[in-house]
Amino acid sequence: DYTWRADFVKGRFAISRDNAKNAVY
């Protein structure tokens, strides 16, 4: 429900999670 990004990311990076694969990206 909450995502935080460092200022230097500037919207260039995104995090995602796949619980079925037990992995994050």
mmCIF file of all heavy atoms, coordinates in Angstrom:
data_MODEL
# 
_entry.id   MODEL 
# 
loop_
_atom_site.group_PDB 
_atom_site.id 
_atom_site.type_symbol 
_atom_site.label_atom_id 
_atom_site.label_alt_id 
_atom_site.label_comp_id 
_atom_site.label_asym_id 
_atom_site.label_entity_id 
_atom_site.label_seq_id 
_atom_site.pdbx_PDB_ins_code 
_atom_site.Cartn_x 
_atom_site.Cartn_y 
_atom_site.Cartn_z 
_atom_site.occupancy 
_atom_site.B_iso_or_equiv 
_atom_site.pdbx_formal_charge 
_atom_site.auth_seq_id 
_atom_site.auth_comp_id 
_atom_site.auth_asym_id 
_atom_site.auth_atom_id 
_atom_site.pdbx_PDB_model_num 
ATOM 1   N N   . ASP A 1 1  ? 0.810  -1.218  0.000   1.00 0.00 ? 1  ASP A N   1 
ATOM 2   C CA  . ASP A 1 1  ? 0.000  0.000   0.000   1.00 0.00 ? 1  ASP A CA  1 
ATOM 3   C C   . ASP A 1 1  ? 0.840  1.264   0.000   1.00 0.00 ? 1  ASP A C   1 
ATOM 4   O O   . ASP A 1 1  ? 0.303  2.369   -0.203  1.00 0.00 ? 1  ASP A O   1 
ATOM 5   C CB  . ASP A 1 1  ? -0.914 0.015   1.236   1.00 0.00 ? 1  ASP A CB  1 
ATOM 6   C CG  . ASP A 1 1  ? -2.053 -0.972  1.100   1.00 0.00 ? 1  ASP A CG  1 
ATOM 7   O OD1 . ASP A 1 1  ? -2.514 -1.204  -0.033  1.00 0.00 ? 1  ASP A OD1 1 
ATOM 8   O OD2 . ASP A 1 1  ? -2.485 -1.522  2.133   1.00 0.00 ? 1  ASP A OD2 1 
ATOM 9   N N   . TYR A 1 2  ? 2.118  1.128   0.278   1.00 0.00 ? 2  TYR A N   1 
ATOM 10  C CA  . TYR A 1 2  ? 2.989  2.299   0.384   1.00 0.00 ? 2  TYR A CA  1 
ATOM 11  C C   . TYR A 1 2  ? 4.312  2.003   -0.297  1.00 0.00 ? 2  TYR A C   1 
ATOM 12  O O   . TYR A 1 2  ? 4.918  0.960   -0.086  1.00 0.00 ? 2  TYR A O   1 
ATOM 13  C CB  . TYR A 1 2  ? 3.239  2.619   1.858   1.00 0.00 ? 2  TYR A CB  1 
ATOM 14  C CG  . TYR A 1 2  ? 4.284  3.691   2.104   1.00 0.00 ? 2  TYR A CG  1 
ATOM 15  C CD1 . TYR A 1 2  ? 3.932  5.035   2.064   1.00 0.00 ? 2  TYR A CD1 1 
ATOM 16  C CD2 . TYR A 1 2  ? 5.601  3.360   2.390   1.00 0.00 ? 2  TYR A CD2 1 
ATOM 17  C CE1 . TYR A 1 2  ? 4.878  6.021   2.298   1.00 0.00 ? 2  TYR A CE1 1 
ATOM 18  C CE2 . TYR A 1 2  ? 6.545  4.325   2.619   1.00 0.00 ? 2  TYR A CE2 1 
ATOM 19  C CZ  . TYR A 1 2  ? 6.197  5.660   2.573   1.00 0.00 ? 2  TYR A CZ  1 
ATOM 20  O OH  . TYR A 1 2  ? 7.134  6.630   2.791   1.00 0.00 ? 2  TYR A OH  1 
ATOM 21  N N   . THR A 1 3  ? 4.745  2.948   -1.128  1.00 0.00 ? 3  THR A N   1 
ATOM 22  C CA  . THR A 1 3  ? 6.042  2.869   -1.782  1.00 0.00 ? 3  THR A CA  1 
ATOM 23  C C   . THR A 1 3  ? 6.759  4.195   -1.600  1.00 0.00 ? 3  THR A C   1 
ATOM 24  O O   . THR A 1 3  ? 6.153  5.265   -1.735  1.00 0.00 ? 3  THR A O   1 
ATOM 25  C CB  . THR A 1 3  ? 5.900  2.576   -3.286  1.00 0.00 ? 3  THR A CB  1 
ATOM 26  O OG1 . THR A 1 3  ? 5.203  1.342   -3.473  1.00 0.00 ? 3  THR A OG1 1 
ATOM 27  C CG2 . THR A 1 3  ? 7.266  2.461   -3.953  1.00 0.00 ? 3  THR A CG2 1 
ATOM 28  N N   . TRP A 1 4  ? 8.034  4.118   -1.290  1.00 0.00 ? 4  TRP A N   1 
ATOM 29  C CA  . TRP A 1 4  ? 8.867  5.314   -1.137  1.00 0.00 ? 4  TRP A CA  1 
ATOM 30  C C   . TRP A 1 4  ? 9.997  5.243   -2.155  1.00 0.00 ? 4  TRP A C   1 
ATOM 31  O O   . TRP A 1 4  ? 10.535 4.155   -2.423  1.00 0.00 ? 4  TRP A O   1 
ATOM 32  C CB  . TRP A 1 4  ? 9.438  5.363   0.276   1.00 0.00 ? 4  TRP A CB  1 
ATOM 33  C CG  . TRP A 1 4  ? 10.477 6.420   0.469   1.00 0.00 ? 4  TRP A CG  1 
ATOM 34  C CD1 . TRP A 1 4  ? 10.278 7.711   0.821   1.00 0.00 ? 4  TRP A CD1 1 
ATOM 35  C CD2 . TRP A 1 4  ? 11.890 6.268   0.307   1.00 0.00 ? 4  TRP A CD2 1 
ATOM 36  N NE1 . TRP A 1 4  ? 11.466 8.376   0.897   1.00 0.00 ? 4  TRP A NE1 1 
ATOM 37  C CE2 . TRP A 1 4  ? 12.479 7.518   0.580   1.00 0.00 ? 4  TRP A CE2 1 
ATOM 38  C CE3 . TRP A 1 4  ? 12.711 5.207   -0.059  1.00 0.00 ? 4  TRP A CE3 1 
ATOM 39  C CZ2 . TRP A 1 4  ? 13.850 7.727   0.515   1.00 0.00 ? 4  TRP A CZ2 1 
ATOM 40  C CZ3 . TRP A 1 4  ? 14.074 5.409   -0.120  1.00 0.00 ? 4  TRP A CZ3 1 
ATOM 41  C CH2 . TRP A 1 4  ? 14.639 6.657   0.163   1.00 0.00 ? 4  TRP A CH2 1 
ATOM 42  N N   . ARG A 1 5  ? 10.345 6.382   -2.714  1.00 0.00 ? 5  ARG A N   1 
ATOM 43  C CA  . ARG A 1 5  ? 11.458 6.453   -3.670  1.00 0.00 ? 5  ARG A CA  1 
ATOM 44  C C   . ARG A 1 5  ? 12.410 7.560   -3.246  1.00 0.00 ? 5  ARG A C   1 
ATOM 45  O O   . ARG A 1 5  ? 11.964 8.639   -2.843  1.00 0.00 ? 5  ARG A O   1 
ATOM 46  C CB  . ARG A 1 5  ? 10.958 6.755   -5.082  1.00 0.00 ? 5  ARG A CB  1 
ATOM 47  C CG  . ARG A 1 5  ? 10.090 5.682   -5.687  1.00 0.00 ? 5  ARG A CG  1 
ATOM 48  C CD  . ARG A 1 5  ? 9.534  6.137   -7.025  1.00 0.00 ? 5  ARG A CD  1 
ATOM 49  N NE  . ARG A 1 5  ? 8.756  5.090   -7.676  1.00 0.00 ? 5  ARG A NE  1 
ATOM 50  C CZ  . ARG A 1 5  ? 7.493  4.843   -7.409  1.00 0.00 ? 5  ARG A CZ  1 
ATOM 51  N NH1 . ARG A 1 5  ? 6.852  5.553   -6.496  1.00 0.00 ? 5  ARG A NH1 1 
ATOM 52  N NH2 . ARG A 1 5  ? 6.856  3.875   -8.055  1.00 0.00 ? 5  ARG A NH2 1 
ATOM 53  N N   . ALA A 1 6  ? 13.698 7.331   -3.364  1.00 0.00 ? 6  ALA A N   1 
ATOM 54  C CA  . ALA A 1 6  ? 14.679 8.374   -3.118  1.00 0.00 ? 6  ALA A CA  1 
ATOM 55  C C   . ALA A 1 6  ? 14.524 9.478   -4.156  1.00 0.00 ? 6  ALA A C   1 
ATOM 56  O O   . ALA A 1 6  ? 14.071 9.237   -5.285  1.00 0.00 ? 6  ALA A O   1 
ATOM 57  C CB  . ALA A 1 6  ? 16.087 7.792   -3.179  1.00 0.00 ? 6  ALA A CB  1 
ATOM 58  N N   . ASP A 1 7  ? 14.908 10.680  -3.783  1.00 0.00 ? 7  ASP A N   1 
ATOM 59  C CA  . ASP A 1 7  ? 14.752 11.822  -4.701  1.00 0.00 ? 7  ASP A CA  1 
ATOM 60  C C   . ASP A 1 7  ? 15.483 11.595  -6.016  1.00 0.00 ? 7  ASP A C   1 
ATOM 61  O O   . ASP A 1 7  ? 15.012 12.001  -7.091  1.00 0.00 ? 7  ASP A O   1 
ATOM 62  C CB  . ASP A 1 7  ? 15.266 13.090  -4.031  1.00 0.00 ? 7  ASP A CB  1 
ATOM 63  C CG  . ASP A 1 7  ? 14.353 13.578  -2.928  1.00 0.00 ? 7  ASP A CG  1 
ATOM 64  O OD1 . ASP A 1 7  ? 13.190 13.138  -2.882  1.00 0.00 ? 7  ASP A OD1 1 
ATOM 65  O OD2 . ASP A 1 7  ? 14.793 14.402  -2.100  1.00 0.00 ? 7  ASP A OD2 1 
ATOM 66  N N   . PHE A 1 8  ? 16.637 10.947  -5.963  1.00 0.00 ? 8  PHE A N   1 
ATOM 67  C CA  . PHE A 1 8  ? 17.428 10.781  -7.183  1.00 0.00 ? 8  PHE A CA  1 
ATOM 68  C C   . PHE A 1 8  ? 16.782 9.805   -8.166  1.00 0.00 ? 8  PHE A C   1 
ATOM 69  O O   . PHE A 1 8  ? 17.181 9.739   -9.319  1.00 0.00 ? 8  PHE A O   1 
ATOM 70  C CB  . PHE A 1 8  ? 18.864 10.336  -6.862  1.00 0.00 ? 8  PHE A CB  1 
ATOM 71  C CG  . PHE A 1 8  ? 18.973 9.021   -6.136  1.00 0.00 ? 8  PHE A CG  1 
ATOM 72  C CD1 . PHE A 1 8  ? 18.804 7.823   -6.820  1.00 0.00 ? 8  PHE A CD1 1 
ATOM 73  C CD2 . PHE A 1 8  ? 19.252 8.982   -4.791  1.00 0.00 ? 8  PHE A CD2 1 
ATOM 74  C CE1 . PHE A 1 8  ? 18.915 6.617   -6.169  1.00 0.00 ? 8  PHE A CE1 1 
ATOM 75  C CE2 . PHE A 1 8  ? 19.365 7.777   -4.115  1.00 0.00 ? 8  PHE A CE2 1 
ATOM 76  C CZ  . PHE A 1 8  ? 19.195 6.581   -4.800  1.00 0.00 ? 8  PHE A CZ  1 
ATOM 77  N N   . VAL A 1 9  ? 15.800 9.052   -7.729  1.00 0.00 ? 9  VAL A N   1 
ATOM 78  C CA  . VAL A 1 9  ? 15.118 8.120   -8.627  1.00 0.00 ? 9  VAL A CA  1 
ATOM 79  C C   . VAL A 1 9  ? 14.333 8.888   -9.691  1.00 0.00 ? 9  VAL A C   1 
ATOM 80  O O   . VAL A 1 9  ? 14.284 8.476   -10.852 1.00 0.00 ? 9  VAL A O   1 
ATOM 81  C CB  . VAL A 1 9  ? 14.201 7.178   -7.839  1.00 0.00 ? 9  VAL A CB  1 
ATOM 82  C CG1 . VAL A 1 9  ? 13.302 6.368   -8.769  1.00 0.00 ? 9  VAL A CG1 1 
ATOM 83  C CG2 . VAL A 1 9  ? 15.032 6.246   -6.973  1.00 0.00 ? 9  VAL A CG2 1 
ATOM 84  N N   . LYS A 1 10 ? 13.712 9.993   -9.289  1.00 0.00 ? 10 LYS A N   1 
ATOM 85  C CA  . LYS A 1 10 ? 13.014 10.887  -10.233 1.00 0.00 ? 10 LYS A CA  1 
ATOM 86  C C   . LYS A 1 10 ? 11.997 10.144  -11.095 1.00 0.00 ? 10 LYS A C   1 
ATOM 87  O O   . LYS A 1 10 ? 11.811 10.473  -12.259 1.00 0.00 ? 10 LYS A O   1 
ATOM 88  C CB  . LYS A 1 10 ? 14.020 11.594  -11.147 1.00 0.00 ? 10 LYS A CB  1 
ATOM 89  C CG  . LYS A 1 10 ? 15.076 12.401  -10.421 1.00 0.00 ? 10 LYS A CG  1 
ATOM 90  C CD  . LYS A 1 10 ? 16.116 12.916  -11.407 1.00 0.00 ? 10 LYS A CD  1 
ATOM 91  C CE  . LYS A 1 10 ? 17.314 13.481  -10.715 1.00 0.00 ? 10 LYS A CE  1 
ATOM 92  N NZ  . LYS A 1 10 ? 18.385 13.870  -11.667 1.00 0.00 ? 10 LYS A NZ  1 
ATOM 93  N N   . GLY A 1 11 ? 11.366 9.141   -10.561 1.00 0.00 ? 11 GLY A N   1 
ATOM 94  C CA  . GLY A 1 11 ? 10.370 8.408   -11.316 1.00 0.00 ? 11 GLY A CA  1 
ATOM 95  C C   . GLY A 1 11 ? 10.932 7.407   -12.307 1.00 0.00 ? 11 GLY A C   1 
ATOM 96  O O   . GLY A 1 11 ? 10.181 6.797   -13.065 1.00 0.00 ? 11 GLY A O   1 
ATOM 97  N N   . ARG A 1 12 ? 12.251 7.216   -12.316 1.00 0.00 ? 12 ARG A N   1 
ATOM 98  C CA  . ARG A 1 12 ? 12.867 6.315   -13.279 1.00 0.00 ? 12 ARG A CA  1 
ATOM 99  C C   . ARG A 1 12 ? 12.808 4.852   -12.869 1.00 0.00 ? 12 ARG A C   1 
ATOM 100 O O   . ARG A 1 12 ? 12.927 3.960   -13.731 1.00 0.00 ? 12 ARG A O   1 
ATOM 101 C CB  . ARG A 1 12 ? 14.342 6.715   -13.471 1.00 0.00 ? 12 ARG A CB  1 
ATOM 102 C CG  . ARG A 1 12 ? 14.553 8.135   -13.961 1.00 0.00 ? 12 ARG A CG  1 
ATOM 103 C CD  . ARG A 1 12 ? 16.036 8.457   -14.073 1.00 0.00 ? 12 ARG A CD  1 
ATOM 104 N NE  . ARG A 1 12 ? 16.681 8.411   -12.742 1.00 0.00 ? 12 ARG A NE  1 
ATOM 105 C CZ  . ARG A 1 12 ? 17.826 7.774   -12.490 1.00 0.00 ? 12 ARG A CZ  1 
ATOM 106 N NH1 . ARG A 1 12 ? 18.446 7.120   -13.453 1.00 0.00 ? 12 ARG A NH1 1 
ATOM 107 N NH2 . ARG A 1 12 ? 18.341 7.795   -11.276 1.00 0.00 ? 12 ARG A NH2 1 
ATOM 108 N N   . PHE A 1 13 ? 12.658 4.593   -11.579 1.00 0.00 ? 13 PHE A N   1 
ATOM 109 C CA  . PHE A 1 13 ? 12.703 3.222   -11.061 1.00 0.00 ? 13 PHE A CA  1 
ATOM 110 C C   . PHE A 1 13 ? 11.330 2.851   -10.496 1.00 0.00 ? 13 PHE A C   1 
ATOM 111 O O   . PHE A 1 13 ? 10.597 3.701   -9.985  1.00 0.00 ? 13 PHE A O   1 
ATOM 112 C CB  . PHE A 1 13 ? 13.730 3.098   -9.946  1.00 0.00 ? 13 PHE A CB  1 
ATOM 113 C CG  . PHE A 1 13 ? 15.166 3.374   -10.329 1.00 0.00 ? 13 PHE A CG  1 
ATOM 114 C CD1 . PHE A 1 13 ? 16.147 3.341   -9.361  1.00 0.00 ? 13 PHE A CD1 1 
ATOM 115 C CD2 . PHE A 1 13 ? 15.532 3.655   -11.643 1.00 0.00 ? 13 PHE A CD2 1 
ATOM 116 C CE1 . PHE A 1 13 ? 17.477 3.589   -9.675  1.00 0.00 ? 13 PHE A CE1 1 
ATOM 117 C CE2 . PHE A 1 13 ? 16.852 3.913   -11.968 1.00 0.00 ? 13 PHE A CE2 1 
ATOM 118 C CZ  . PHE A 1 13 ? 17.831 3.875   -10.988 1.00 0.00 ? 13 PHE A CZ  1 
ATOM 119 N N   . ALA A 1 14 ? 11.032 1.566   -10.542 1.00 0.00 ? 14 ALA A N   1 
ATOM 120 C CA  . ALA A 1 14 ? 9.797  1.064   -9.958  1.00 0.00 ? 14 ALA A CA  1 
ATOM 121 C C   . ALA A 1 14 ? 10.061 -0.275  -9.300  1.00 0.00 ? 14 ALA A C   1 
ATOM 122 O O   . ALA A 1 14 ? 10.881 -1.061  -9.778  1.00 0.00 ? 14 ALA A O   1 
ATOM 123 C CB  . ALA A 1 14 ? 8.715  0.928   -11.022 1.00 0.00 ? 14 ALA A CB  1 
ATOM 124 N N   . ILE A 1 15 ? 9.351  -0.526  -8.231  1.00 0.00 ? 15 ILE A N   1 
ATOM 125 C CA  . ILE A 1 15 ? 9.477  -1.787  -7.509  1.00 0.00 ? 15 ILE A CA  1 
ATOM 126 C C   . ILE A 1 15 ? 8.188  -2.575  -7.691  1.00 0.00 ? 15 ILE A C   1 
ATOM 127 O O   . ILE A 1 15 ? 7.102  -1.994  -7.736  1.00 0.00 ? 15 ILE A O   1 
ATOM 128 C CB  . ILE A 1 15 ? 9.789  -1.518  -6.015  1.00 0.00 ? 15 ILE A CB  1 
ATOM 129 C CG1 . ILE A 1 15 ? 10.163 -2.795  -5.284  1.00 0.00 ? 15 ILE A CG1 1 
ATOM 130 C CG2 . ILE A 1 15 ? 8.631  -0.800  -5.340  1.00 0.00 ? 15 ILE A CG2 1 
ATOM 131 C CD1 . ILE A 1 15 ? 10.695 -2.536  -3.868  1.00 0.00 ? 15 ILE A CD1 1 
ATOM 132 N N   . SER A 1 16 ? 8.319  -3.876  -7.808  1.00 0.00 ? 16 SER A N   1 
ATOM 133 C CA  . SER A 1 16 ? 7.132  -4.716  -7.917  1.00 0.00 ? 16 SER A CA  1 
ATOM 134 C C   . SER A 1 16 ? 7.392  -6.029  -7.205  1.00 0.00 ? 16 SER A C   1 
ATOM 135 O O   . SER A 1 16 ? 8.537  -6.390  -6.947  1.00 0.00 ? 16 SER A O   1 
ATOM 136 C CB  . SER A 1 16 ? 6.754  -4.958  -9.372  1.00 0.00 ? 16 SER A CB  1 
ATOM 137 O OG  . SER A 1 16 ? 7.802  -5.623  -10.062 1.00 0.00 ? 16 SER A OG  1 
ATOM 138 N N   . ARG A 1 17 ? 6.328  -6.730  -6.921  1.00 0.00 ? 17 ARG A N   1 
ATOM 139 C CA  . ARG A 1 17 ? 6.412  -7.960  -6.153  1.00 0.00 ? 17 ARG A CA  1 
ATOM 140 C C   . ARG A 1 17 ? 5.556  -9.016  -6.830  1.00 0.00 ? 17 ARG A C   1 
ATOM 141 O O   . ARG A 1 17 ? 4.467  -8.720  -7.304  1.00 0.00 ? 17 ARG A O   1 
ATOM 142 C CB  . ARG A 1 17 ? 5.897  -7.697  -4.743  1.00 0.00 ? 17 ARG A CB  1 
ATOM 143 C CG  . ARG A 1 17 ? 6.083  -8.793  -3.737  1.00 0.00 ? 17 ARG A CG  1 
ATOM 144 C CD  . ARG A 1 17 ? 5.173  -8.591  -2.538  1.00 0.00 ? 17 ARG A CD  1 
ATOM 145 N NE  . ARG A 1 17 ? 5.370  -7.351  -1.851  1.00 0.00 ? 17 ARG A NE  1 
ATOM 146 C CZ  . ARG A 1 17 ? 6.027  -7.234  -0.698  1.00 0.00 ? 17 ARG A CZ  1 
ATOM 147 N NH1 . ARG A 1 17 ? 6.578  -8.304  -0.157  1.00 0.00 ? 17 ARG A NH1 1 
ATOM 148 N NH2 . ARG A 1 17 ? 6.115  -6.073  -0.088  1.00 0.00 ? 17 ARG A NH2 1 
ATOM 149 N N   . ASP A 1 18 ? 6.052  -10.232 -6.905  1.00 0.00 ? 18 ASP A N   1 
ATOM 150 C CA  . ASP A 1 18 ? 5.289  -11.362 -7.429  1.00 0.00 ? 18 ASP A CA  1 
ATOM 151 C C   . ASP A 1 18 ? 5.274  -12.425 -6.336  1.00 0.00 ? 18 ASP A C   1 
ATOM 152 O O   . ASP A 1 18 ? 6.227  -13.192 -6.183  1.00 0.00 ? 18 ASP A O   1 
ATOM 153 C CB  . ASP A 1 18 ? 5.932  -11.894 -8.708  1.00 0.00 ? 18 ASP A CB  1 
ATOM 154 C CG  . ASP A 1 18 ? 5.103  -12.976 -9.369  1.00 0.00 ? 18 ASP A CG  1 
ATOM 155 O OD1 . ASP A 1 18 ? 4.284  -13.630 -8.674  1.00 0.00 ? 18 ASP A OD1 1 
ATOM 156 O OD2 . ASP A 1 18 ? 5.271  -13.193 -10.578 1.00 0.00 ? 18 ASP A OD2 1 
ATOM 157 N N   . ASN A 1 19 ? 4.197  -12.459 -5.580  1.00 0.00 ? 19 ASN A N   1 
ATOM 158 C CA  . ASN A 1 19 ? 4.137  -13.387 -4.454  1.00 0.00 ? 19 ASN A CA  1 
ATOM 159 C C   . ASN A 1 19 ? 4.100  -14.843 -4.924  1.00 0.00 ? 19 ASN A C   1 
ATOM 160 O O   . ASN A 1 19 ? 4.597  -15.730 -4.227  1.00 0.00 ? 19 ASN A O   1 
ATOM 161 C CB  . ASN A 1 19 ? 2.921  -13.083 -3.584  1.00 0.00 ? 19 ASN A CB  1 
ATOM 162 C CG  . ASN A 1 19 ? 3.091  -11.785 -2.812  1.00 0.00 ? 19 ASN A CG  1 
ATOM 163 O OD1 . ASN A 1 19 ? 4.208  -11.376 -2.505  1.00 0.00 ? 19 ASN A OD1 1 
ATOM 164 N ND2 . ASN A 1 19 ? 1.985  -11.136 -2.494  1.00 0.00 ? 19 ASN A ND2 1 
ATOM 165 N N   . ALA A 1 20 ? 3.542  -15.087 -6.080  1.00 0.00 ? 20 ALA A N   1 
ATOM 166 C CA  . ALA A 1 20 ? 3.499  -16.455 -6.591  1.00 0.00 ? 20 ALA A CA  1 
ATOM 167 C C   . ALA A 1 20 ? 4.902  -17.000 -6.850  1.00 0.00 ? 20 ALA A C   1 
ATOM 168 O O   . ALA A 1 20 ? 5.163  -18.196 -6.666  1.00 0.00 ? 20 ALA A O   1 
ATOM 169 C CB  . ALA A 1 20 ? 2.663  -16.509 -7.865  1.00 0.00 ? 20 ALA A CB  1 
ATOM 170 N N   . LYS A 1 21 ? 5.789  -16.118 -7.267  1.00 0.00 ? 21 LYS A N   1 
ATOM 171 C CA  . LYS A 1 21 ? 7.175  -16.517 -7.528  1.00 0.00 ? 21 LYS A CA  1 
ATOM 172 C C   . LYS A 1 21 ? 8.085  -16.231 -6.338  1.00 0.00 ? 21 LYS A C   1 
ATOM 173 O O   . LYS A 1 21 ? 9.279  -16.519 -6.388  1.00 0.00 ? 21 LYS A O   1 
ATOM 174 C CB  . LYS A 1 21 ? 7.711  -15.796 -8.766  1.00 0.00 ? 21 LYS A CB  1 
ATOM 175 C CG  . LYS A 1 21 ? 6.989  -16.187 -10.045 1.00 0.00 ? 21 LYS A CG  1 
ATOM 176 C CD  . LYS A 1 21 ? 7.624  -15.511 -11.253 1.00 0.00 ? 21 LYS A CD  1 
ATOM 177 C CE  . LYS A 1 21 ? 6.942  -15.961 -12.536 1.00 0.00 ? 21 LYS A CE  1 
ATOM 178 N NZ  . LYS A 1 21 ? 7.527  -15.313 -13.734 1.00 0.00 ? 21 LYS A NZ  1 
ATOM 179 N N   . ASN A 1 22 ? 7.515  -15.634 -5.299  1.00 0.00 ? 22 ASN A N   1 
ATOM 180 C CA  . ASN A 1 22 ? 8.291  -15.266 -4.115  1.00 0.00 ? 22 ASN A CA  1 
ATOM 181 C C   . ASN A 1 22 ? 9.496  -14.403 -4.499  1.00 0.00 ? 22 ASN A C   1 
ATOM 182 O O   . ASN A 1 22 ? 10.646 -14.686 -4.106  1.00 0.00 ? 22 ASN A O   1 
ATOM 183 C CB  . ASN A 1 22 ? 8.745  -16.506 -3.338  1.00 0.00 ? 22 ASN A CB  1 
ATOM 184 C CG  . ASN A 1 22 ? 8.882  -16.236 -1.847  1.00 0.00 ? 22 ASN A CG  1 
ATOM 185 O OD1 . ASN A 1 22 ? 8.236  -15.344 -1.302  1.00 0.00 ? 22 ASN A OD1 1 
ATOM 186 N ND2 . ASN A 1 22 ? 9.725  -17.007 -1.181  1.00 0.00 ? 22 ASN A ND2 1 
ATOM 187 N N   . ALA A 1 23 ? 9.216  -13.374 -5.270  1.00 0.00 ? 23 ALA A N   1 
ATOM 188 C CA  . ALA A 1 23 ? 10.284 -12.533 -5.799  1.00 0.00 ? 23 ALA A CA  1 
ATOM 189 C C   . ALA A 1 23 ? 9.841  -11.085 -5.846  1.00 0.00 ? 23 ALA A C   1 
ATOM 190 O O   . ALA A 1 23 ? 8.640  -10.787 -5.886  1.00 0.00 ? 23 ALA A O   1 
ATOM 191 C CB  . ALA A 1 23 ? 10.683 -12.999 -7.199  1.00 0.00 ? 23 ALA A CB  1 
ATOM 192 N N   . VAL A 1 24 ? 10.818 -10.206 -5.837  1.00 0.00 ? 24 VAL A N   1 
ATOM 193 C CA  . VAL A 1 24 ? 10.576 -8.782  -6.034  1.00 0.00 ? 24 VAL A CA  1 
ATOM 194 C C   . VAL A 1 24 ? 11.495 -8.302  -7.139  1.00 0.00 ? 24 VAL A C   1 
ATOM 195 O O   . VAL A 1 24 ? 12.523 -8.932  -7.417  1.00 0.00 ? 24 VAL A O   1 
ATOM 196 C CB  . VAL A 1 24 ? 10.791 -7.963  -4.752  1.00 0.00 ? 24 VAL A CB  1 
ATOM 197 C CG1 . VAL A 1 24 ? 9.758  -8.325  -3.716  1.00 0.00 ? 24 VAL A CG1 1 
ATOM 198 C CG2 . VAL A 1 24 ? 12.196 -8.150  -4.212  1.00 0.00 ? 24 VAL A CG2 1 
ATOM 199 N N   . TYR A 1 25 ? 11.117 -7.178  -7.736  1.00 0.00 ? 25 TYR A N   1 
ATOM 200 C CA  . TYR A 1 25 ? 11.852 -6.691  -8.892  1.00 0.00 ? 25 TYR A CA  1 
ATOM 201 C C   . TYR A 1 25 ? 12.084 -5.193  -8.756  1.00 0.00 ? 25 TYR A C   1 
ATOM 202 O O   . TYR A 1 25 ? 11.287 -4.474  -8.147  1.00 0.00 ? 25 TYR A O   1 
ATOM 203 C CB  . TYR A 1 25 ? 11.063 -6.977  -10.172 1.00 0.00 ? 25 TYR A CB  1 
ATOM 204 C CG  . TYR A 1 25 ? 10.688 -8.424  -10.314 1.00 0.00 ? 25 TYR A CG  1 
ATOM 205 C CD1 . TYR A 1 25 ? 9.442  -8.879  -9.920  1.00 0.00 ? 25 TYR A CD1 1 
ATOM 206 C CD2 . TYR A 1 25 ? 11.605 -9.347  -10.823 1.00 0.00 ? 25 TYR A CD2 1 
ATOM 207 C CE1 . TYR A 1 25 ? 9.102  -10.209 -10.022 1.00 0.00 ? 25 TYR A CE1 1 
ATOM 208 C CE2 . TYR A 1 25 ? 11.267 -10.692 -10.923 1.00 0.00 ? 25 TYR A CE2 1 
ATOM 209 C CZ  . TYR A 1 25 ? 10.020 -11.114 -10.523 1.00 0.00 ? 25 TYR A CZ  1 
ATOM 210 O OH  . TYR A 1 25 ? 9.695  -12.441 -10.626 1.00 0.00 ? 25 TYR A OH  1 
# 
